[in-house]
Amino acid sequence: MSTVTEAGLLTSREITTGEELGSVPLATPGSVRSAARRAAAAAPAWAATPGAERAAILSRAADLLLERAQEAQDLLVREGGSITGKAFYEVHAGAAELRHGAELATAPAPAHGPGSDPGRDSEVRRLPLGVVGVIVPWNFPLLLGMRSVAPALGLGNSVLLKPDPHTPLSGGRLFAEVLAEAGLPEGVLEVVYGDAEAGAALVEAPGVAMVSFTGSTEVGREIGATAGRLLKRVVLELGGQNAFVVLPDADIEAAASAGSWGSFLHQGQICMAARRHLVHQDVYEAYTDALARHAAALRIGDPYRTDAQIGPVIDRGQLTRIASAVEDAVAQGARLVTGGRVQGRYFPPTVLADVTPKMSVFHTEVFGPVACVTPFADEAEAVELANTSDYGLTAAVYTCDADRGRALAAELRCGVVHVGDQPVHHDPRLPFGGVGASGNSSGFGGEAAREAFTRWHTLTTSTPARSYPF
């Protein structure tokens, strides 16, 4: 949580106690534009820096981040309500993104074939875009920020970063400190702090060539519209109403464990979370009971001072939205198996059974610890149910038969599918991105990052120089 002071500071506060954690300057539209100009001024020299030097800085930043791992973990727990295990993972995943950026800085670009004119030599390269604007959400501020910042820097861009106002320290100030200490030149990373007004200024700033946004579909549509009007490249990673398909041959306890992790990790505040558990009718009741047992056994509390597995929801408004969604689902005929009621700053892991496509909760992303369970009769119906969504981010198929799982996965309309697992998984070397209301396809991971953060440049040379009839 955070507050704004009269002195123009954004003050970060611990989510459970309100204790002050630190303050950063609150950006105005004018200061965002100034930061964009500084980043644009620094971009040419950074692009001209040899890839090996860029890689060395990013690798050093990864080392420094891990040296400050405990501090970073504490910030993630206290600012955003992470449990300690999630925070530990996020810090190390952020370091992995920095190392991935270093790899991109030195890896040879894919070869491009020659032109069709044998008398004209051609050279085709990928060049940095210039200034990449990055807008980061509060749920995984370190990881999701580094996912754009590190490859953008590694490929020779400068970056203008705006963290979410809930997590300005773990999603912004920490980045600047670690990269500056690693030797990143001044101006190559500019961090601005603020709310939607600062974000809009970042998107519209003339010096920003591209925007990488991770957040809600509603805001993503607005950013996409603005970027289209200004002819800027944009990568949008948005919401998800992800399906977790359980086939009848699955080990029910193992499947329920995976489903519980996929739905309730970080209080369900993850775009990849398992929202819709689609379960074969032969194992439907057994799975629902097992999932409810896993949910009810999770420890709820202050993750900084206890060994809680479920921490606080990000703010009061989100608590209200989660509670309202559950109440509406029950009113429409869903069966509340466990959870379902606000407990102070917490919302307990909740299982709703007998959810149908006629209910709003089947289609609307509830960004909280709510698992909806729906039966299906055969695999054709499972595919139909899974694809009955405007979203298309991730999905998972839980089965003991990998070939059967892959065959079903091929029919699911989404960007990423995991067989024999749940939908929450991240690998910096693999492309990641959604379709439909979940985004404009992949912009992260491996060669997808190169495609997102660089552009084609073609040079031809004719020797001798050519002449023409007029």
Protein backbone atom coordinates (compact mmCIF):
# COMPACT_ATOMS: atom_id res chain seq x y z
CA MET A 1 0.00 0.00 0.00
CA SER A 2 1.12 3.59 -0.48
CA THR A 3 0.14 7.16 0.29
CA VAL A 4 0.91 10.55 -1.29
CA THR A 5 2.30 13.35 0.90
CA GLU A 6 1.91 17.09 0.50
CA ALA A 7 5.59 17.27 -0.42
CA GLY A 8 4.91 15.29 -3.60
CA LEU A 9 6.28 12.00 -2.32
CA LEU A 10 4.81 8.55 -2.83
CA THR A 11 5.26 6.72 0.47
CA SER A 12 5.27 2.92 0.48
CA ARG A 13 3.73 1.26 3.55
CA GLU A 14 3.64 -2.28 4.79
CA ILE A 15 0.45 -3.90 3.60
CA THR A 16 -0.47 -5.49 6.96
CA THR A 17 0.61 -2.81 9.48
CA GLY A 18 0.81 0.47 7.57
CA GLU A 19 4.42 0.95 8.71
CA GLU A 20 6.38 3.28 6.40
CA LEU A 21 8.94 1.49 4.23
CA GLY A 22 10.30 4.39 2.18
CA SER A 23 9.37 7.25 -0.14
CA VAL A 24 10.00 8.13 -3.78
CA PRO A 25 9.25 11.30 -5.78
CA LEU A 26 5.78 11.36 -7.32
CA ALA A 27 6.03 12.00 -11.05
CA THR A 28 4.03 14.60 -12.95
CA PRO A 29 3.35 14.40 -16.70
CA GLY A 30 6.09 16.98 -17.17
CA SER A 31 8.66 15.02 -15.19
CA VAL A 32 7.77 11.85 -17.12
CA ARG A 33 8.43 13.65 -20.40
CA SER A 34 11.73 14.94 -19.02
CA ALA A 35 12.74 11.41 -18.01
CA ALA A 36 11.83 10.18 -21.51
CA ARG A 37 14.10 12.86 -23.02
CA ARG A 38 16.99 11.79 -20.77
CA ALA A 39 16.50 8.17 -21.77
CA ALA A 40 16.38 9.15 -25.46
CA ALA A 41 19.59 11.15 -25.10
CA ALA A 42 21.34 8.16 -23.50
CA ALA A 43 20.05 5.62 -26.03
CA PRO A 44 22.54 6.07 -28.93
CA ALA A 45 25.65 5.59 -26.80
CA TRP A 46 24.13 2.58 -25.06
CA ALA A 47 23.14 1.02 -28.41
CA ALA A 48 26.72 1.54 -29.61
CA THR A 49 28.15 -0.15 -26.51
CA PRO A 50 29.54 -3.58 -27.43
CA GLY A 51 27.23 -6.42 -26.52
CA ALA A 52 29.83 -7.99 -24.26
CA GLU A 53 29.97 -4.81 -22.15
CA ARG A 54 26.18 -4.65 -21.88
CA ALA A 55 26.15 -8.33 -20.92
CA ALA A 56 28.77 -7.79 -18.21
CA ILE A 57 26.69 -5.02 -16.60
CA LEU A 58 23.53 -7.13 -16.59
CA SER A 59 25.38 -10.16 -15.20
CA ARG A 60 26.86 -7.99 -12.46
CA ALA A 61 23.37 -6.66 -11.68
CA ALA A 62 22.13 -10.25 -11.29
CA ASP A 63 24.92 -10.93 -8.79
CA LEU A 64 24.15 -7.73 -6.88
CA LEU A 65 20.45 -8.54 -6.74
CA LEU A 66 21.22 -11.92 -5.21
CA GLU A 67 23.58 -10.27 -2.73
CA ARG A 68 20.59 -8.16 -1.66
CA ALA A 69 18.19 -11.11 -1.82
CA GLN A 70 16.98 -10.88 1.78
CA GLU A 71 16.27 -7.17 1.47
CA ALA A 72 14.43 -7.73 -1.82
CA GLN A 73 12.43 -10.61 -0.37
CA ASP A 74 11.41 -8.54 2.63
CA LEU A 75 10.23 -5.73 0.36
CA LEU A 76 8.12 -8.12 -1.72
CA VAL A 77 6.53 -9.56 1.43
CA ARG A 78 5.90 -6.25 3.18
CA GLU A 79 4.93 -4.10 0.18
CA GLY A 80 2.86 -6.57 -1.81
CA GLY A 81 1.79 -9.31 0.61
CA SER A 82 3.93 -12.09 -0.89
CA ILE A 83 4.56 -15.19 1.18
CA THR A 84 8.25 -15.84 1.77
CA GLY A 85 8.53 -18.73 -0.68
CA LYS A 86 6.99 -16.69 -3.49
CA ALA A 87 9.30 -13.77 -2.69
CA PHE A 88 12.36 -16.04 -2.70
CA TYR A 89 11.35 -17.41 -6.09
CA GLU A 90 10.68 -13.96 -7.51
CA VAL A 91 14.10 -12.58 -6.55
CA HIS A 92 15.90 -15.51 -8.14
CA ALA A 93 13.65 -15.38 -11.21
CA GLY A 94 14.46 -11.67 -11.52
CA ALA A 95 18.16 -12.50 -11.47
CA ALA A 96 17.53 -15.14 -14.15
CA GLU A 97 15.88 -12.48 -16.33
CA LEU A 98 18.99 -10.30 -15.98
CA ARG A 99 21.15 -13.22 -17.08
CA HIS A 100 18.79 -13.84 -19.99
CA GLY A 101 19.22 -10.20 -21.00
CA ALA A 102 22.98 -10.69 -20.87
CA GLU A 103 22.67 -13.72 -23.15
CA LEU A 104 20.63 -11.73 -25.66
CA ALA A 105 23.30 -9.02 -25.69
CA THR A 106 25.93 -11.39 -27.05
CA ALA A 107 23.94 -14.07 -28.89
CA PRO A 108 24.17 -13.90 -32.69
CA ALA A 109 20.97 -12.81 -34.37
CA PRO A 110 19.25 -15.41 -36.58
CA ALA A 111 20.64 -15.44 -40.09
CA HIS A 112 18.64 -13.76 -42.85
CA GLY A 113 18.83 -14.95 -46.43
CA PRO A 114 20.21 -12.80 -49.30
CA GLY A 115 18.09 -10.61 -51.52
CA SER A 116 16.93 -11.67 -55.00
CA ASP A 117 19.24 -9.30 -56.96
CA PRO A 118 22.68 -10.95 -57.37
CA GLY A 119 24.32 -7.60 -58.18
CA ARG A 120 23.23 -5.98 -54.93
CA ASP A 121 24.92 -7.01 -51.66
CA SER A 122 22.57 -6.93 -48.69
CA GLU A 123 23.02 -6.76 -44.94
CA VAL A 124 20.02 -7.32 -42.66
CA ARG A 125 20.28 -6.62 -38.93
CA ARG A 126 18.14 -6.24 -35.85
CA LEU A 127 18.58 -2.84 -34.21
CA PRO A 128 17.32 -1.51 -30.86
CA LEU A 129 14.13 0.55 -30.94
CA GLY A 130 15.41 3.41 -28.79
CA VAL A 131 13.45 4.05 -25.59
CA VAL A 132 11.26 1.22 -24.30
CA GLY A 133 8.54 2.23 -21.83
CA VAL A 134 7.74 -0.43 -19.23
CA ILE A 135 4.68 -0.36 -16.96
CA VAL A 136 4.79 -2.97 -14.19
CA PRO A 137 1.97 -4.41 -12.02
CA TRP A 138 2.08 -4.94 -8.25
CA ASN A 139 1.64 -8.71 -8.06
CA PHE A 140 5.12 -9.76 -9.33
CA PRO A 141 6.80 -6.35 -9.55
CA LEU A 142 10.39 -7.56 -9.57
CA LEU A 143 9.97 -10.47 -11.97
CA LEU A 144 7.53 -8.84 -14.38
CA GLY A 145 9.60 -5.67 -14.44
CA MET A 146 12.86 -7.49 -15.12
CA ARG A 147 11.09 -9.57 -17.80
CA SER A 148 10.97 -6.40 -19.96
CA VAL A 149 13.78 -4.26 -18.55
CA ALA A 150 16.56 -6.87 -18.81
CA PRO A 151 16.05 -7.96 -22.45
CA ALA A 152 15.37 -4.38 -23.55
CA LEU A 153 18.68 -3.24 -22.02
CA GLY A 154 20.56 -6.28 -23.25
CA LEU A 155 19.44 -5.61 -26.82
CA GLY A 156 20.64 -2.00 -26.67
CA ASN A 157 17.56 0.02 -25.71
CA SER A 158 17.25 2.54 -22.94
CA VAL A 159 14.26 2.08 -20.62
CA LEU A 160 11.65 4.31 -18.98
CA LEU A 161 10.13 2.26 -16.13
CA LYS A 162 6.98 2.98 -14.13
CA PRO A 163 6.21 0.58 -11.28
CA ASP A 164 2.75 0.25 -9.77
CA PRO A 165 2.08 2.72 -6.93
CA HIS A 166 1.45 -0.21 -4.57
CA THR A 167 5.03 -1.46 -5.02
CA PRO A 168 7.34 1.46 -5.90
CA LEU A 169 10.32 0.08 -3.97
CA SER A 170 10.38 -3.57 -5.05
CA GLY A 171 9.19 -2.71 -8.57
CA GLY A 172 11.25 0.41 -9.22
CA ARG A 173 13.77 1.85 -6.78
CA LEU A 174 15.48 -1.51 -6.27
CA PHE A 175 15.95 -1.82 -10.07
CA ALA A 176 17.61 1.56 -10.31
CA GLU A 177 19.95 0.92 -7.39
CA VAL A 178 21.11 -2.51 -8.51
CA LEU A 179 21.68 -1.53 -12.14
CA ALA A 180 23.42 1.73 -11.24
CA GLU A 181 25.77 -0.11 -8.90
CA ALA A 182 26.44 -2.63 -11.69
CA GLY A 183 27.69 0.20 -13.92
CA LEU A 184 24.68 1.06 -16.08
CA PRO A 185 25.34 4.54 -17.53
CA GLU A 186 23.25 7.43 -16.32
CA GLY A 187 20.00 7.92 -18.23
CA VAL A 188 19.87 4.41 -19.69
CA LEU A 189 17.29 3.45 -17.04
CA GLU A 190 14.91 6.16 -15.88
CA VAL A 191 12.32 5.31 -13.22
CA VAL A 192 9.17 7.39 -12.70
CA TYR A 193 6.67 6.81 -9.90
CA GLY A 194 2.95 7.46 -9.99
CA ASP A 195 -0.50 6.30 -10.92
CA ALA A 196 -2.53 6.22 -14.12
CA GLU A 197 -1.66 9.83 -14.98
CA ALA A 198 2.06 9.02 -14.99
CA GLY A 199 1.38 5.86 -17.01
CA ALA A 200 -0.56 7.80 -19.65
CA ALA A 201 2.26 10.34 -19.89
CA LEU A 202 4.77 7.53 -20.40
CA VAL A 203 2.73 6.00 -23.24
CA GLU A 204 2.31 9.36 -24.96
CA ALA A 205 5.86 10.70 -24.45
CA PRO A 206 7.32 11.49 -27.91
CA GLY A 207 10.67 9.85 -27.13
CA VAL A 208 9.18 6.47 -26.22
CA ALA A 209 9.28 4.10 -29.20
CA MET A 210 7.58 1.11 -27.61
CA VAL A 211 5.47 0.29 -24.55
CA SER A 212 5.55 -3.02 -22.68
CA PHE A 213 2.55 -3.23 -20.38
CA THR A 214 1.53 -5.97 -17.97
CA GLY A 215 -1.79 -5.46 -16.20
CA SER A 216 -5.54 -5.50 -16.64
CA THR A 217 -7.28 -6.01 -19.95
CA GLU A 218 -9.26 -2.78 -19.49
CA VAL A 219 -6.13 -0.63 -19.15
CA GLY A 220 -4.33 -2.65 -21.82
CA ARG A 221 -7.03 -1.79 -24.36
CA GLU A 222 -6.57 1.92 -23.61
CA ILE A 223 -2.80 1.70 -23.95
CA GLY A 224 -3.13 -0.29 -27.18
CA ALA A 225 -5.47 2.32 -28.62
CA THR A 226 -3.10 5.16 -27.74
CA ALA A 227 -0.07 3.31 -29.06
CA GLY A 228 -1.91 2.57 -32.30
CA ARG A 229 -2.84 6.22 -32.76
CA LEU A 230 0.80 7.24 -32.17
CA LEU A 231 2.16 4.37 -34.32
CA LYS A 232 4.19 2.93 -31.44
CA ARG A 233 4.96 -0.71 -30.95
CA VAL A 234 3.21 -2.25 -27.95
CA VAL A 235 3.42 -5.55 -26.08
CA LEU A 236 0.38 -6.27 -23.91
CA GLU A 237 0.29 -9.07 -21.33
CA LEU A 238 -3.14 -8.89 -19.76
CA GLY A 239 -5.62 -10.95 -17.74
CA GLY A 240 -6.49 -14.62 -17.84
CA GLN A 241 -9.43 -16.89 -17.13
CA ASN A 242 -7.24 -19.95 -17.31
CA ALA A 243 -8.51 -23.52 -17.57
CA PHE A 244 -7.08 -26.42 -15.54
CA VAL A 245 -8.40 -29.58 -17.20
CA VAL A 246 -8.40 -32.75 -15.09
CA LEU A 247 -8.79 -35.98 -17.09
CA PRO A 248 -10.26 -39.15 -15.53
CA ASP A 249 -6.93 -41.00 -15.37
CA ALA A 250 -5.35 -38.34 -13.13
CA ASP A 251 -4.03 -39.06 -9.65
CA ILE A 252 -6.66 -37.07 -7.75
CA GLU A 253 -4.52 -36.04 -4.78
CA ALA A 254 -1.68 -34.95 -7.05
CA ALA A 255 -4.10 -33.08 -9.31
CA ALA A 256 -5.71 -31.32 -6.32
CA SER A 257 -2.26 -30.31 -5.08
CA ALA A 258 -1.43 -28.82 -8.47
CA GLY A 259 -4.84 -27.16 -8.69
CA SER A 260 -4.51 -25.67 -5.22
CA TRP A 261 -1.08 -24.22 -6.02
CA GLY A 262 -2.34 -22.90 -9.36
CA SER A 263 -5.36 -21.18 -7.81
CA PHE A 264 -4.16 -19.97 -4.42
CA LEU A 265 -0.48 -19.03 -4.79
CA HIS A 266 -0.12 -15.32 -3.93
CA GLN A 267 -3.80 -15.21 -3.02
CA GLY A 268 -4.72 -16.00 -6.62
CA GLN A 269 -3.43 -12.58 -7.69
CA ILE A 270 -1.61 -13.96 -10.75
CA CYS A 271 -2.62 -13.57 -14.39
CA MET A 272 -1.69 -17.24 -15.00
CA ALA A 273 -3.69 -18.59 -12.03
CA ALA A 274 -6.02 -21.56 -12.49
CA ARG A 275 -9.46 -19.91 -12.47
CA ARG A 276 -11.63 -22.64 -14.02
CA HIS A 277 -11.09 -26.25 -12.93
CA LEU A 278 -12.69 -28.38 -15.65
CA VAL A 279 -12.97 -31.91 -14.26
CA HIS A 280 -14.19 -35.13 -15.86
CA GLN A 281 -17.52 -36.19 -14.37
CA ASP A 282 -16.14 -39.57 -13.24
CA VAL A 283 -13.71 -37.89 -10.81
CA TYR A 284 -15.57 -34.60 -10.28
CA GLU A 285 -16.77 -35.09 -6.70
CA ALA A 286 -13.52 -36.72 -5.55
CA TYR A 287 -11.47 -33.90 -7.04
CA THR A 288 -13.72 -31.18 -5.63
CA ASP A 289 -13.48 -32.69 -2.15
CA ALA A 290 -9.69 -33.01 -2.40
CA LEU A 291 -9.28 -29.44 -3.66
CA ALA A 292 -11.44 -28.14 -0.82
CA ARG A 293 -9.33 -30.04 1.72
CA HIS A 294 -6.15 -28.52 0.32
CA ALA A 295 -7.74 -25.06 0.37
CA ALA A 296 -9.05 -25.31 3.93
CA ALA A 297 -5.66 -26.50 5.23
CA LEU A 298 -3.73 -23.44 4.01
CA ARG A 299 -2.43 -21.13 6.76
CA ILE A 300 -3.71 -17.53 6.55
CA GLY A 301 -1.84 -14.63 8.15
CA ASP A 302 0.88 -11.97 8.09
CA PRO A 303 3.58 -13.46 5.83
CA TYR A 304 6.34 -11.26 7.29
CA ARG A 305 5.83 -12.41 10.89
CA THR A 306 4.39 -15.92 10.48
CA ASP A 307 4.77 -18.93 8.19
CA ALA A 308 1.53 -18.06 6.40
CA GLN A 309 0.77 -19.63 3.03
CA ILE A 310 -1.96 -17.11 2.25
CA GLY A 311 -1.16 -13.43 2.77
CA PRO A 312 -3.25 -10.27 2.55
CA VAL A 313 -5.12 -9.16 -0.56
CA ILE A 314 -3.50 -6.08 -2.09
CA ASP A 315 -6.13 -3.53 -0.95
CA ARG A 316 -9.64 -3.09 0.42
CA GLY A 317 -11.15 -2.45 -3.00
CA GLN A 318 -9.90 -5.77 -4.30
CA LEU A 319 -11.21 -7.56 -1.21
CA THR A 320 -14.66 -6.13 -1.91
CA ARG A 321 -14.54 -7.16 -5.57
CA ILE A 322 -13.58 -10.75 -4.69
CA ALA A 323 -16.32 -11.03 -2.07
CA SER A 324 -18.93 -9.63 -4.44
CA ALA A 325 -17.95 -12.08 -7.19
CA VAL A 326 -18.33 -15.03 -4.81
CA GLU A 327 -21.69 -13.79 -3.52
CA ASP A 328 -22.97 -13.32 -7.07
CA ALA A 329 -21.81 -16.82 -8.06
CA VAL A 330 -23.64 -18.41 -5.12
CA ALA A 331 -26.76 -16.38 -5.92
CA GLN A 332 -26.60 -17.74 -9.49
CA GLY A 333 -26.42 -21.35 -8.26
CA ALA A 334 -22.78 -22.12 -7.54
CA ARG A 335 -22.08 -24.28 -4.47
CA LEU A 336 -19.74 -22.76 -1.89
CA VAL A 337 -17.61 -25.69 -0.70
CA THR A 338 -15.11 -23.79 1.46
CA GLY A 339 -14.01 -20.22 2.16
CA GLY A 340 -15.99 -17.34 0.73
CA ARG A 341 -15.94 -14.64 3.44
CA VAL A 342 -13.59 -11.74 4.12
CA GLN A 343 -11.37 -12.12 7.19
CA GLY A 344 -9.89 -8.70 7.92
CA ARG A 345 -7.24 -8.03 5.25
CA TYR A 346 -7.48 -11.63 4.04
CA PHE A 347 -9.73 -13.66 1.77
CA PRO A 348 -9.58 -17.40 2.47
CA PRO A 349 -8.97 -19.91 -0.32
CA THR A 350 -12.40 -20.48 -1.81
CA VAL A 351 -13.80 -23.37 -3.84
CA LEU A 352 -17.00 -22.91 -5.84
CA ALA A 353 -18.47 -26.10 -7.31
CA ASP A 354 -21.15 -26.66 -9.94
CA VAL A 355 -20.12 -23.53 -11.83
CA THR A 356 -21.63 -23.32 -15.33
CA PRO A 357 -20.98 -21.12 -18.38
CA LYS A 358 -24.24 -19.33 -17.61
CA MET A 359 -22.63 -17.76 -14.51
CA SER A 360 -20.64 -14.55 -14.73
CA VAL A 361 -17.85 -16.02 -12.56
CA PHE A 362 -17.12 -18.53 -15.35
CA HIS A 363 -16.21 -15.70 -17.72
CA THR A 364 -15.03 -12.81 -15.51
CA GLU A 365 -11.52 -12.86 -14.05
CA VAL A 366 -11.70 -12.83 -10.24
CA PHE A 367 -8.23 -11.68 -9.26
CA GLY A 368 -8.21 -13.52 -5.97
CA PRO A 369 -8.08 -16.98 -4.30
CA VAL A 370 -11.22 -18.40 -5.92
CA ALA A 371 -11.29 -21.76 -7.74
CA CYS A 372 -14.36 -22.55 -9.85
CA VAL A 373 -15.04 -26.25 -10.54
CA THR A 374 -17.08 -27.41 -13.53
CA PRO A 375 -17.74 -31.00 -14.71
CA PHE A 376 -17.43 -32.24 -18.30
CA ALA A 377 -18.56 -35.46 -19.93
CA ASP A 378 -15.85 -35.97 -22.56
CA GLU A 379 -12.80 -34.28 -24.02
CA ALA A 380 -14.75 -32.50 -26.73
CA GLU A 381 -16.83 -30.79 -24.03
CA ALA A 382 -13.68 -29.98 -22.06
CA VAL A 383 -12.22 -28.19 -25.08
CA GLU A 384 -15.49 -26.36 -25.70
CA LEU A 385 -15.65 -25.19 -22.07
CA ALA A 386 -12.01 -24.16 -22.01
CA ASN A 387 -12.38 -22.13 -25.19
CA THR A 388 -15.59 -20.47 -24.03
CA SER A 389 -13.73 -17.38 -22.88
CA ASP A 390 -12.60 -14.06 -24.28
CA TYR A 391 -9.24 -14.69 -22.60
CA GLY A 392 -6.46 -16.94 -23.89
CA LEU A 393 -3.37 -16.73 -21.71
CA THR A 394 -2.41 -20.11 -20.21
CA ALA A 395 -3.99 -23.50 -19.56
CA ALA A 396 -3.02 -26.88 -18.18
CA VAL A 397 -4.06 -30.49 -18.76
CA TYR A 398 -3.58 -32.87 -15.84
CA THR A 399 -3.28 -36.49 -16.93
CA CYS A 400 -1.00 -39.51 -16.61
CA ASP A 401 -1.01 -39.92 -20.41
CA ALA A 402 1.31 -37.29 -21.91
CA ASP A 403 0.29 -38.04 -25.51
CA ARG A 404 -3.38 -37.70 -24.64
CA GLY A 405 -2.65 -34.45 -22.82
CA ARG A 406 -0.70 -32.98 -25.75
CA ALA A 407 -3.48 -33.88 -28.18
CA LEU A 408 -6.03 -32.05 -26.05
CA ALA A 409 -3.64 -29.13 -25.47
CA ALA A 410 -3.36 -28.57 -29.21
CA GLU A 411 -7.07 -27.70 -29.31
CA LEU A 412 -6.96 -25.06 -26.57
CA ARG A 413 -7.05 -21.43 -27.68
CA CYS A 414 -4.34 -19.79 -25.60
CA GLY A 415 -0.68 -18.82 -25.70
CA VAL A 416 0.81 -21.43 -23.35
CA VAL A 417 -0.34 -24.90 -22.25
CA HIS A 418 1.29 -27.15 -19.63
CA VAL A 419 0.60 -30.90 -19.65
CA GLY A 420 0.95 -32.77 -16.36
CA ASP A 421 1.16 -29.49 -14.45
CA GLN A 422 -0.83 -26.40 -13.48
CA PRO A 423 -0.86 -23.09 -15.43
CA VAL A 424 1.50 -20.96 -13.27
CA HIS A 425 4.97 -21.42 -14.73
CA HIS A 426 7.70 -19.05 -15.94
CA ASP A 427 10.85 -19.67 -17.98
CA PRO A 428 12.83 -16.67 -19.31
CA ARG A 429 14.01 -18.68 -22.33
CA LEU A 430 10.55 -19.70 -23.53
CA PRO A 431 8.13 -17.42 -25.41
CA PHE A 432 5.19 -16.27 -23.33
CA GLY A 433 2.07 -14.32 -24.24
CA GLY A 434 -1.68 -14.62 -24.66
CA VAL A 435 -4.35 -14.09 -27.28
CA GLY A 436 -7.76 -12.47 -27.25
CA ALA A 437 -8.42 -10.44 -24.12
CA SER A 438 -5.14 -11.76 -22.68
CA GLY A 439 -2.92 -9.72 -24.99
CA ASN A 440 -1.36 -9.37 -28.41
CA SER A 441 0.62 -12.63 -28.41
CA SER A 442 4.15 -13.29 -27.22
CA GLY A 443 6.58 -10.50 -26.38
CA PHE A 444 8.71 -12.23 -23.77
CA GLY A 445 11.24 -15.03 -23.61
CA GLY A 446 14.05 -16.15 -25.91
CA GLU A 447 13.75 -15.08 -29.52
CA ALA A 448 10.31 -13.58 -28.82
CA ALA A 449 12.07 -10.93 -26.70
CA ARG A 450 14.46 -10.13 -29.55
CA GLU A 451 11.52 -9.71 -31.90
CA ALA A 452 9.72 -7.46 -29.43
CA PHE A 453 12.57 -5.13 -28.47
CA THR A 454 14.40 -4.73 -31.79
CA ARG A 455 13.52 -3.79 -35.37
CA TRP A 456 14.72 -4.88 -38.79
CA HIS A 457 17.25 -2.73 -40.65
CA THR A 458 18.22 -3.49 -44.26
CA LEU A 459 21.32 -2.12 -46.01
CA THR A 460 22.14 -2.81 -49.67
CA THR A 461 25.30 -1.91 -51.59
CA SER A 462 25.67 -1.82 -55.36
CA THR A 463 29.22 -1.86 -56.81
CA PRO A 464 29.67 -0.10 -59.13
CA ALA A 465 27.03 2.47 -58.29
CA ARG A 466 23.99 2.15 -60.52
CA SER A 467 22.64 4.57 -63.10
CA TYR A 468 19.11 4.77 -64.51
CA PRO A 469 17.43 5.87 -67.74
CA PHE A 470 16.10 9.16 -66.28
